[in-house]
Amino acid sequence: MPVRNIPRYGAGRKNLGKFASVKTGRVAWYESLLEKDFMYLLDYDRDVSYWHEQPLRIRFNHGGKVHRYTPDLEVHRAAQKQLIEIKPKHEVDSGEWTFYFERHRLSASKRAMNSWLSLTK
């Protein structure tokens, strides 16, 4: 069950949608076409036993303020669990998300999970 509600309407979001997962037996919301494509890959990956979107909220302090960050997916594989963030390559290359990715890695390691980032064109 997602920890963060994905805004269904407005807010300038163009690629919101629902994905009916055969593997999980539930409907998951996606916020980008990259997330949707990745959900298809997860459903067909034999090594994946379960996955869900918006799995947890990471809270951290920076610059005297409390920030919140929610990874896109949690994936359960035969040998490991992963927290996954999906961003287009140009957003990663811009450096805009570097700080959040570092918090993502730290949170994953505290939970004995692997952190993984999907880069696409």
C-alpha atoms as a PDB file:
ATOM      1  CA  MET A   1       0.000   0.000   0.000  1.00  0.00           C
ATOM      2  CA  PRO A   2       1.512   3.378  -0.977  1.00  0.00           C
ATOM      3  CA  VAL A   3       2.558   5.655   1.901  1.00  0.00           C
ATOM      4  CA  ARG A   4       2.018   8.754  -0.229  1.00  0.00           C
ATOM      5  CA  ASN A   5      -1.114   9.584  -2.162  1.00  0.00           C
ATOM      6  CA  ILE A   6      -0.344  10.216  -5.795  1.00  0.00           C
ATOM      7  CA  PRO A   7      -2.279  13.287  -6.954  1.00  0.00           C
ATOM      8  CA  ARG A   8      -4.822  11.962  -9.420  1.00  0.00           C
ATOM      9  CA  TYR A   9      -5.793  15.219 -11.114  1.00  0.00           C
ATOM     10  CA  GLY A  10      -4.302  18.614 -11.709  1.00  0.00           C
ATOM     11  CA  ALA A  11      -0.888  19.699 -10.519  1.00  0.00           C
ATOM     12  CA  GLY A  12       0.342  19.627 -14.130  1.00  0.00           C
ATOM     13  CA  ARG A  13       0.886  15.856 -14.122  1.00  0.00           C
ATOM     14  CA  LYS A  14       0.380  14.372 -17.577  1.00  0.00           C
ATOM     15  CA  ASN A  15       1.345  10.721 -17.216  1.00  0.00           C
ATOM     16  CA  LEU A  16      -0.540   9.469 -14.171  1.00  0.00           C
ATOM     17  CA  GLY A  17      -2.211   6.129 -14.513  1.00  0.00           C
ATOM     18  CA  LYS A  18      -3.075   2.733 -13.119  1.00  0.00           C
ATOM     19  CA  PHE A  19      -1.186  -0.485 -13.737  1.00  0.00           C
ATOM     20  CA  ALA A  20      -2.975  -3.790 -13.149  1.00  0.00           C
ATOM     21  CA  SER A  21      -0.243  -6.121 -11.947  1.00  0.00           C
ATOM     22  CA  VAL A  22      -0.674  -9.829 -12.545  1.00  0.00           C
ATOM     23  CA  LYS A  23       2.218 -10.601 -10.188  1.00  0.00           C
ATOM     24  CA  THR A  24       0.912  -8.632  -7.191  1.00  0.00           C
ATOM     25  CA  GLY A  25      -2.795  -9.039  -7.879  1.00  0.00           C
ATOM     26  CA  ARG A  26      -3.433  -5.358  -7.288  1.00  0.00           C
ATOM     27  CA  VAL A  27      -3.627  -2.059  -9.124  1.00  0.00           C
ATOM     28  CA  ALA A  28      -0.652   0.277  -8.712  1.00  0.00           C
ATOM     29  CA  TRP A  29      -0.523   3.961  -9.588  1.00  0.00           C
ATOM     30  CA  TYR A  30       2.381   5.309 -11.633  1.00  0.00           C
ATOM     31  CA  GLU A  31       3.552   8.903 -12.023  1.00  0.00           C
ATOM     32  CA  SER A  32       5.511   8.590 -15.263  1.00  0.00           C
ATOM     33  CA  LEU A  33       5.627   6.428 -18.349  1.00  0.00           C
ATOM     34  CA  LEU A  34       9.081   5.234 -17.222  1.00  0.00           C
ATOM     35  CA  GLU A  35       7.551   3.909 -13.997  1.00  0.00           C
ATOM     36  CA  LYS A  36       4.802   2.191 -15.983  1.00  0.00           C
ATOM     37  CA  ASP A  37       7.351   0.533 -18.295  1.00  0.00           C
ATOM     38  CA  PHE A  38       9.382  -0.619 -15.307  1.00  0.00           C
ATOM     39  CA  MET A  39       6.257  -2.115 -13.699  1.00  0.00           C
ATOM     40  CA  TYR A  40       5.776  -4.226 -16.840  1.00  0.00           C
ATOM     41  CA  LEU A  41       9.368  -5.437 -16.557  1.00  0.00           C
ATOM     42  CA  LEU A  42       8.860  -6.354 -12.893  1.00  0.00           C
ATOM     43  CA  ASP A  43       5.721  -8.337 -13.682  1.00  0.00           C
ATOM     44  CA  TYR A  44       7.630 -10.440 -16.234  1.00  0.00           C
ATOM     45  CA  ASP A  45      10.856 -10.812 -14.239  1.00  0.00           C
ATOM     46  CA  ARG A  46      10.899 -14.364 -12.836  1.00  0.00           C
ATOM     47  CA  ASP A  47      13.318 -13.351 -10.080  1.00  0.00           C
ATOM     48  CA  VAL A  48      10.808 -10.825  -8.671  1.00  0.00           C
ATOM     49  CA  SER A  49       8.364 -12.294  -6.164  1.00  0.00           C
ATOM     50  CA  TYR A  50       6.580  -9.074  -5.203  1.00  0.00           C
ATOM     51  CA  TRP A  51       6.760  -5.306  -5.685  1.00  0.00           C
ATOM     52  CA  HIS A  52       4.796  -2.238  -4.652  1.00  0.00           C
ATOM     53  CA  GLU A  53       4.852   1.482  -5.337  1.00  0.00           C
ATOM     54  CA  GLN A  54       5.535   4.368  -2.929  1.00  0.00           C
ATOM     55  CA  PRO A  55       6.740   1.916  -0.224  1.00  0.00           C
ATOM     56  CA  LEU A  56       7.995   4.224   2.502  1.00  0.00           C
ATOM     57  CA  ARG A  57       8.653   7.819   3.393  1.00  0.00           C
ATOM     58  CA  ILE A  58      12.201   8.867   4.183  1.00  0.00           C
ATOM     59  CA  ARG A  59      12.471  11.824   6.557  1.00  0.00           C
ATOM     60  CA  PHE A  60      15.734  13.672   7.050  1.00  0.00           C
ATOM     61  CA  ASN A  61      17.090  17.005   8.254  1.00  0.00           C
ATOM     62  CA  HIS A  62      19.013  19.302   5.950  1.00  0.00           C
ATOM     63  CA  GLY A  63      19.723  22.979   6.354  1.00  0.00           C
ATOM     64  CA  GLY A  64      17.684  23.114   9.554  1.00  0.00           C
ATOM     65  CA  LYS A  65      14.565  21.826   7.823  1.00  0.00           C
ATOM     66  CA  VAL A  66      12.810  18.461   7.798  1.00  0.00           C
ATOM     67  CA  HIS A  67      12.494  17.013   4.301  1.00  0.00           C
ATOM     68  CA  ARG A  68      10.488  14.035   3.032  1.00  0.00           C
ATOM     69  CA  TYR A  69      11.287  11.768   0.137  1.00  0.00           C
ATOM     70  CA  THR A  70       9.366   8.743  -1.150  1.00  0.00           C
ATOM     71  CA  PRO A  71      11.126   6.177  -3.392  1.00  0.00           C
ATOM     72  CA  ASP A  72       9.158   4.908  -6.381  1.00  0.00           C
ATOM     73  CA  LEU A  73       9.203   1.155  -5.715  1.00  0.00           C
ATOM     74  CA  GLU A  74      10.165  -1.607  -3.336  1.00  0.00           C
ATOM     75  CA  VAL A  75      11.037  -4.847  -5.103  1.00  0.00           C
ATOM     76  CA  HIS A  76      11.373  -8.277  -3.507  1.00  0.00           C
ATOM     77  CA  ARG A  77      13.707 -10.592  -5.376  1.00  0.00           C
ATOM     78  CA  ALA A  78      14.784 -14.102  -4.459  1.00  0.00           C
ATOM     79  CA  ALA A  79      18.069 -12.971  -2.922  1.00  0.00           C
ATOM     80  CA  GLN A  80      17.371  -9.364  -1.927  1.00  0.00           C
ATOM     81  CA  LYS A  81      14.998  -6.462  -1.442  1.00  0.00           C
ATOM     82  CA  GLN A  82      15.523  -3.241  -3.350  1.00  0.00           C
ATOM     83  CA  LEU A  83      14.378   0.354  -3.082  1.00  0.00           C
ATOM     84  CA  ILE A  84      14.122   1.753  -6.581  1.00  0.00           C
ATOM     85  CA  GLU A  85      13.950   5.301  -7.867  1.00  0.00           C
ATOM     86  CA  ILE A  86      13.195   5.843 -11.542  1.00  0.00           C
ATOM     87  CA  LYS A  87      14.304   9.060 -13.217  1.00  0.00           C
ATOM     88  CA  PRO A  88      15.106  10.038 -16.800  1.00  0.00           C
ATOM     89  CA  LYS A  89      18.836  10.261 -17.483  1.00  0.00           C
ATOM     90  CA  HIS A  90      18.753  14.020 -18.101  1.00  0.00           C
ATOM     91  CA  GLU A  91      17.307  14.607 -14.597  1.00  0.00           C
ATOM     92  CA  VAL A  92      20.019  12.476 -13.020  1.00  0.00           C
ATOM     93  CA  ASP A  93      22.737  14.195 -15.051  1.00  0.00           C
ATOM     94  CA  SER A  94      21.436  17.636 -14.007  1.00  0.00           C
ATOM     95  CA  GLY A  95      22.500  16.981 -10.397  1.00  0.00           C
ATOM     96  CA  GLU A  96      19.103  18.142  -9.157  1.00  0.00           C
ATOM     97  CA  TRP A  97      18.394  14.776  -7.482  1.00  0.00           C
ATOM     98  CA  THR A  98      21.893  13.947  -6.191  1.00  0.00           C
ATOM     99  CA  PHE A  99      21.117  14.906  -2.603  1.00  0.00           C
ATOM    100  CA  TYR A 100      17.923  12.811  -2.582  1.00  0.00           C
ATOM    101  CA  PHE A 101      19.675   9.827  -4.150  1.00  0.00           C
ATOM    102  CA  GLU A 102      22.233   9.895  -1.342  1.00  0.00           C
ATOM    103  CA  ARG A 103      19.429   9.846   1.249  1.00  0.00           C
ATOM    104  CA  HIS A 104      17.822   7.013  -0.735  1.00  0.00           C
ATOM    105  CA  ARG A 105      21.040   4.953  -0.527  1.00  0.00           C
ATOM    106  CA  LEU A 106      21.453   5.609   3.207  1.00  0.00           C
ATOM    107  CA  SER A 107      17.855   4.643   3.949  1.00  0.00           C
ATOM    108  CA  ALA A 108      18.144   1.454   1.913  1.00  0.00           C
ATOM    109  CA  SER A 109      21.336   0.400   3.671  1.00  0.00           C
ATOM    110  CA  LYS A 110      19.726   0.975   7.099  1.00  0.00           C
ATOM    111  CA  ARG A 111      16.964  -1.408   6.049  1.00  0.00           C
ATOM    112  CA  ALA A 112      19.432  -4.028   4.722  1.00  0.00           C
ATOM    113  CA  MET A 113      18.150  -3.362   1.198  1.00  0.00           C
ATOM    114  CA  ASN A 114      19.930  -2.501  -2.004  1.00  0.00           C
ATOM    115  CA  SER A 115      19.383   0.859  -3.611  1.00  0.00           C
ATOM    116  CA  TRP A 116      19.065   0.977  -7.357  1.00  0.00           C
ATOM    117  CA  LEU A 117      18.489   3.701  -9.885  1.00  0.00           C
ATOM    118  CA  SER A 118      17.001   3.133 -13.311  1.00  0.00           C
ATOM    119  CA  LEU A 119      18.424   5.422 -15.970  1.00  0.00           C
ATOM    120  CA  THR A 120      16.848   5.780 -19.360  1.00  0.00           C
ATOM    121  CA  LYS A 121      17.028   8.171 -22.272  1.00  0.00           C
END
